[in-house]
Amino acid sequence: ALEERGRIRRGYFVDGLGAAQFALPGAVDRLRAMRPGPGEASSADGGPGGSRDGSSRVHLLAASDPANPYGAALPWPRRDEHDRRPLQRAAGAYVVLVDGAAALYLDRGGSSLVALPPADDSAVLAAALPALGALVADGRVRELVLAKADSEPVAVWPRRDALLAAGFVPGYRGFVLRPAKPTLGRPSR
């Protein structure tokens, strides 16, 4: 009925998802505008490397968020066919997307981090880790304590320096990320 009234459009918008897809007319127009022409880059924002200025687009999403296609429409990125790490679309779990690719997965307790294959690129990892700071900055968690990364203790994780660069500090339970302390201004007279 919504389609007949012109409020939504039915079509085949996302390759591999089947024909029962619906979108608002404005969304369809935006998708068409992003479609590359012959000989153009693969995305409207300058190609697969991110935005036109060379920076990456980073998003922190709940793993169960409908905007996260991984674990639903797309399989989670895996290192090889033997990689069986359980990555769930569970409440309390988070995923960091860098330029649309899942780079990090944080388990529902916040104590274990999984670096997915796109994070093997040090630039992607450096862009993705600071996004975890939004969890403590907006109060979703009081502090983030990582005990494990890629199924090993975070203190011996080969990329622990990237955690330190993202603001984590070593603690007795693992690497800790706390909210920034507010700075106090000069008292008025």
Protein backbone atom coordinates (compact mmCIF):
# COMPACT_ATOMS: atom_id res chain seq x y z
CA ALA A 1 0.00 0.00 0.00
CA LEU A 2 2.87 2.41 0.75
CA GLU A 3 4.37 1.65 -2.63
CA GLU A 4 1.07 2.35 -4.37
CA ARG A 5 0.86 5.71 -2.60
CA GLY A 6 4.40 6.58 -3.72
CA ARG A 7 5.80 6.74 -0.18
CA ILE A 8 8.32 3.93 -0.72
CA ARG A 9 9.88 2.22 -3.72
CA ARG A 10 10.51 -1.45 -4.29
CA GLY A 11 13.60 -2.51 -6.14
CA TYR A 12 16.87 -4.41 -6.21
CA PHE A 13 19.11 -1.89 -4.42
CA VAL A 14 21.72 -4.02 -2.64
CA ASP A 15 23.38 -6.81 -4.59
CA GLY A 16 22.91 -10.22 -2.98
CA LEU A 17 19.97 -9.37 -0.71
CA GLY A 18 17.12 -10.52 -2.94
CA ALA A 19 14.31 -8.65 -4.62
CA ALA A 20 12.12 -7.79 -1.61
CA GLN A 21 13.86 -4.49 -0.92
CA PHE A 22 12.13 -1.22 -0.09
CA ALA A 23 13.49 2.32 0.28
CA LEU A 24 12.30 5.87 0.59
CA PRO A 25 12.35 7.74 -2.75
CA GLY A 26 15.10 10.07 -1.49
CA ALA A 27 17.29 7.10 -0.57
CA VAL A 28 16.86 5.64 -4.04
CA ASP A 29 17.89 8.96 -5.59
CA ARG A 30 20.97 9.12 -3.35
CA LEU A 31 21.97 5.58 -4.33
CA ARG A 32 21.62 6.45 -8.00
CA ALA A 33 23.75 9.57 -7.52
CA MET A 34 26.52 7.49 -5.95
CA ARG A 35 26.60 4.95 -8.78
CA PRO A 36 29.93 5.29 -10.60
CA GLY A 37 29.88 6.04 -14.28
CA PRO A 38 32.11 4.33 -16.82
CA GLY A 39 35.77 4.77 -15.87
CA GLU A 40 35.01 6.47 -12.53
CA ALA A 41 36.14 5.50 -9.03
CA SER A 42 34.06 2.91 -7.19
CA SER A 43 32.39 5.38 -4.82
CA ALA A 44 31.11 8.92 -4.94
CA ASP A 45 33.46 10.10 -2.23
CA GLY A 46 36.72 9.47 -4.03
CA GLY A 47 37.06 5.71 -4.27
CA PRO A 48 37.40 2.93 -1.76
CA GLY A 49 39.97 4.75 0.38
CA GLY A 50 37.54 7.06 2.15
CA SER A 51 36.55 10.65 1.68
CA ARG A 52 37.99 13.10 -0.81
CA ASP A 53 40.42 14.53 1.74
CA GLY A 54 41.97 11.10 2.37
CA SER A 55 40.45 10.60 5.83
CA SER A 56 38.45 7.52 6.70
CA ARG A 57 34.79 7.42 7.65
CA VAL A 58 34.53 5.69 11.01
CA HIS A 59 31.31 4.55 12.69
CA LEU A 60 30.81 2.86 16.04
CA LEU A 61 27.61 0.81 15.97
CA ALA A 62 25.92 -1.62 18.29
CA ALA A 63 26.50 -5.05 16.75
CA SER A 64 22.73 -5.55 16.76
CA ASP A 65 22.02 -2.21 15.03
CA PRO A 66 20.11 -2.65 11.76
CA ALA A 67 22.66 -0.32 10.13
CA ASN A 68 25.33 -2.98 10.76
CA PRO A 69 25.11 -5.45 7.87
CA TYR A 70 27.68 -7.86 9.35
CA GLY A 71 26.32 -11.04 10.87
CA ALA A 72 23.00 -10.53 9.04
CA ALA A 73 23.21 -9.59 5.35
CA LEU A 74 27.00 -10.02 5.19
CA PRO A 75 29.21 -12.57 6.91
CA TRP A 76 31.71 -11.30 9.47
CA PRO A 77 35.17 -10.86 7.90
CA ARG A 78 37.32 -13.89 8.70
CA ARG A 79 41.04 -14.50 8.43
CA ASP A 80 40.58 -17.90 6.75
CA GLU A 81 38.18 -20.86 6.65
CA HIS A 82 39.45 -22.07 10.05
CA ASP A 83 38.60 -18.78 11.79
CA ARG A 84 35.60 -19.70 13.97
CA ARG A 85 35.66 -16.86 16.52
CA PRO A 86 32.10 -16.25 17.74
CA LEU A 87 31.05 -12.78 16.62
CA GLN A 88 27.43 -12.21 17.53
CA ARG A 89 24.90 -9.50 16.88
CA ALA A 90 24.26 -9.35 20.62
CA ALA A 91 23.05 -6.51 22.80
CA GLY A 92 26.05 -4.81 24.38
CA ALA A 93 28.49 -5.80 21.61
CA TYR A 94 29.89 -3.15 19.27
CA VAL A 95 31.47 -3.03 15.84
CA VAL A 96 33.67 -0.29 14.40
CA LEU A 97 33.27 0.25 10.68
CA VAL A 98 36.00 2.05 8.74
CA ASP A 99 34.91 3.09 5.26
CA GLY A 100 32.09 0.55 5.55
CA ALA A 101 34.31 -2.42 6.43
CA ALA A 102 34.11 -4.06 9.86
CA ALA A 103 37.49 -3.41 11.46
CA LEU A 104 36.93 -4.09 15.20
CA TYR A 105 34.47 -6.13 17.22
CA LEU A 106 34.05 -5.50 20.96
CA ASP A 107 32.29 -8.27 22.88
CA ARG A 108 29.19 -7.59 24.96
CA GLY A 109 31.12 -7.31 28.21
CA GLY A 110 33.64 -4.91 26.70
CA SER A 111 36.56 -7.02 27.88
CA SER A 112 37.57 -8.68 24.63
CA LEU A 113 38.47 -7.03 21.33
CA VAL A 114 38.72 -8.74 17.94
CA ALA A 115 40.71 -7.03 15.21
CA LEU A 116 39.14 -8.10 11.92
CA PRO A 117 41.18 -8.42 8.69
CA PRO A 118 40.71 -4.77 7.58
CA ALA A 119 42.45 -3.72 10.84
CA ASP A 120 45.64 -5.42 9.63
CA ASP A 121 46.26 -2.12 7.86
CA SER A 122 47.81 0.10 10.56
CA ALA A 123 46.00 3.17 9.21
CA VAL A 124 42.62 1.42 9.55
CA LEU A 125 43.47 0.28 13.08
CA ALA A 126 44.62 3.80 14.02
CA ALA A 127 41.31 5.19 12.71
CA ALA A 128 39.14 2.52 14.37
CA LEU A 129 40.51 2.38 17.94
CA PRO A 130 39.70 5.99 18.92
CA ALA A 131 36.05 5.32 18.02
CA LEU A 132 35.83 3.12 21.12
CA GLY A 133 36.32 6.31 23.13
CA ALA A 134 32.74 7.30 22.29
CA LEU A 135 31.54 4.54 24.63
CA VAL A 136 33.06 6.25 27.66
CA ALA A 137 32.71 9.82 26.40
CA ASP A 138 28.92 9.61 26.16
CA GLY A 139 28.52 7.51 29.30
CA ARG A 140 27.43 4.20 27.76
CA VAL A 141 30.14 2.60 29.88
CA ARG A 142 31.92 4.07 32.91
CA GLU A 143 35.26 2.76 31.69
CA LEU A 144 36.38 0.30 29.07
CA VAL A 145 38.70 -2.44 30.35
CA LEU A 146 40.18 -4.67 27.66
CA ALA A 147 41.57 -7.90 29.08
CA LYS A 148 42.01 -9.73 25.75
CA ALA A 149 42.64 -8.81 22.15
CA ASP A 150 42.44 -11.45 19.44
CA SER A 151 42.07 -14.16 22.13
CA GLU A 152 45.35 -13.32 23.88
CA PRO A 153 46.12 -11.13 26.90
CA VAL A 154 46.08 -7.50 25.80
CA ALA A 155 49.46 -6.85 27.47
CA VAL A 156 51.19 -9.16 24.96
CA TRP A 157 49.03 -8.28 21.94
CA PRO A 158 51.40 -7.35 19.09
CA ARG A 159 49.43 -4.15 18.40
CA ARG A 160 49.15 -2.91 21.99
CA ASP A 161 51.02 0.29 21.02
CA ALA A 162 48.01 1.26 18.91
CA LEU A 163 45.84 0.96 22.04
CA LEU A 164 48.17 3.27 23.94
CA ALA A 165 48.07 5.77 21.07
CA ALA A 166 44.24 5.68 21.23
CA GLY A 167 44.26 6.71 24.91
CA PHE A 168 44.20 3.35 26.71
CA VAL A 169 46.44 3.01 29.76
CA PRO A 170 47.80 -0.19 31.31
CA GLY A 171 45.98 -1.34 34.43
CA TYR A 172 45.99 -4.42 36.61
CA ARG A 173 42.94 -5.90 34.79
CA GLY A 174 44.11 -5.00 31.27
CA PHE A 175 44.21 -1.82 29.20
CA VAL A 176 41.77 0.81 30.45
CA LEU A 177 40.07 3.70 28.69
CA ARG A 178 38.47 6.27 30.96
CA PRO A 179 36.57 9.44 30.11
CA ALA A 180 38.63 12.59 29.78
CA LYS A 181 38.63 14.63 32.97
CA PRO A 182 36.98 18.01 32.58
CA THR A 183 39.34 20.90 32.78
CA LEU A 184 38.54 23.52 35.35
CA GLY A 185 38.62 27.08 34.22
CA ARG A 186 40.09 29.95 36.19
CA PRO A 187 37.69 30.96 38.97
CA SER A 188 35.97 34.28 38.46
CA ARG A 189 36.51 37.10 40.94
